[in-house]
Amino acid sequence: MYVCICKNVTDRQIRKAVYEQDVSNLRELRACLGGACGQCGKCARDAHQLIREAALEKRRLENHSAPAMAA
């Protein structure tokens, strides 16, 4: 689904930026995805929410795949 129509950025691109490039805020997203969410700004709220959700999911996956500590 397109999130930023002005810059043709999808939700998948935003999630990929979080997972692969550690994007954690809109400033980093703009730098990573060619100015996404920086033109009209109508998509910024949705993009911010996607960043938060993807970051939480990434942390969950990292914690789940981490080896158990030896006692």
Foldseek 3Di string as FASTA:
>chain_A
DALAPVLRDDLVNLLCCCQPVVDQAPVVVCVVRVHGCNDPNPRRVVSNVSSVVSNVVNVVVVVVPDDDDDD
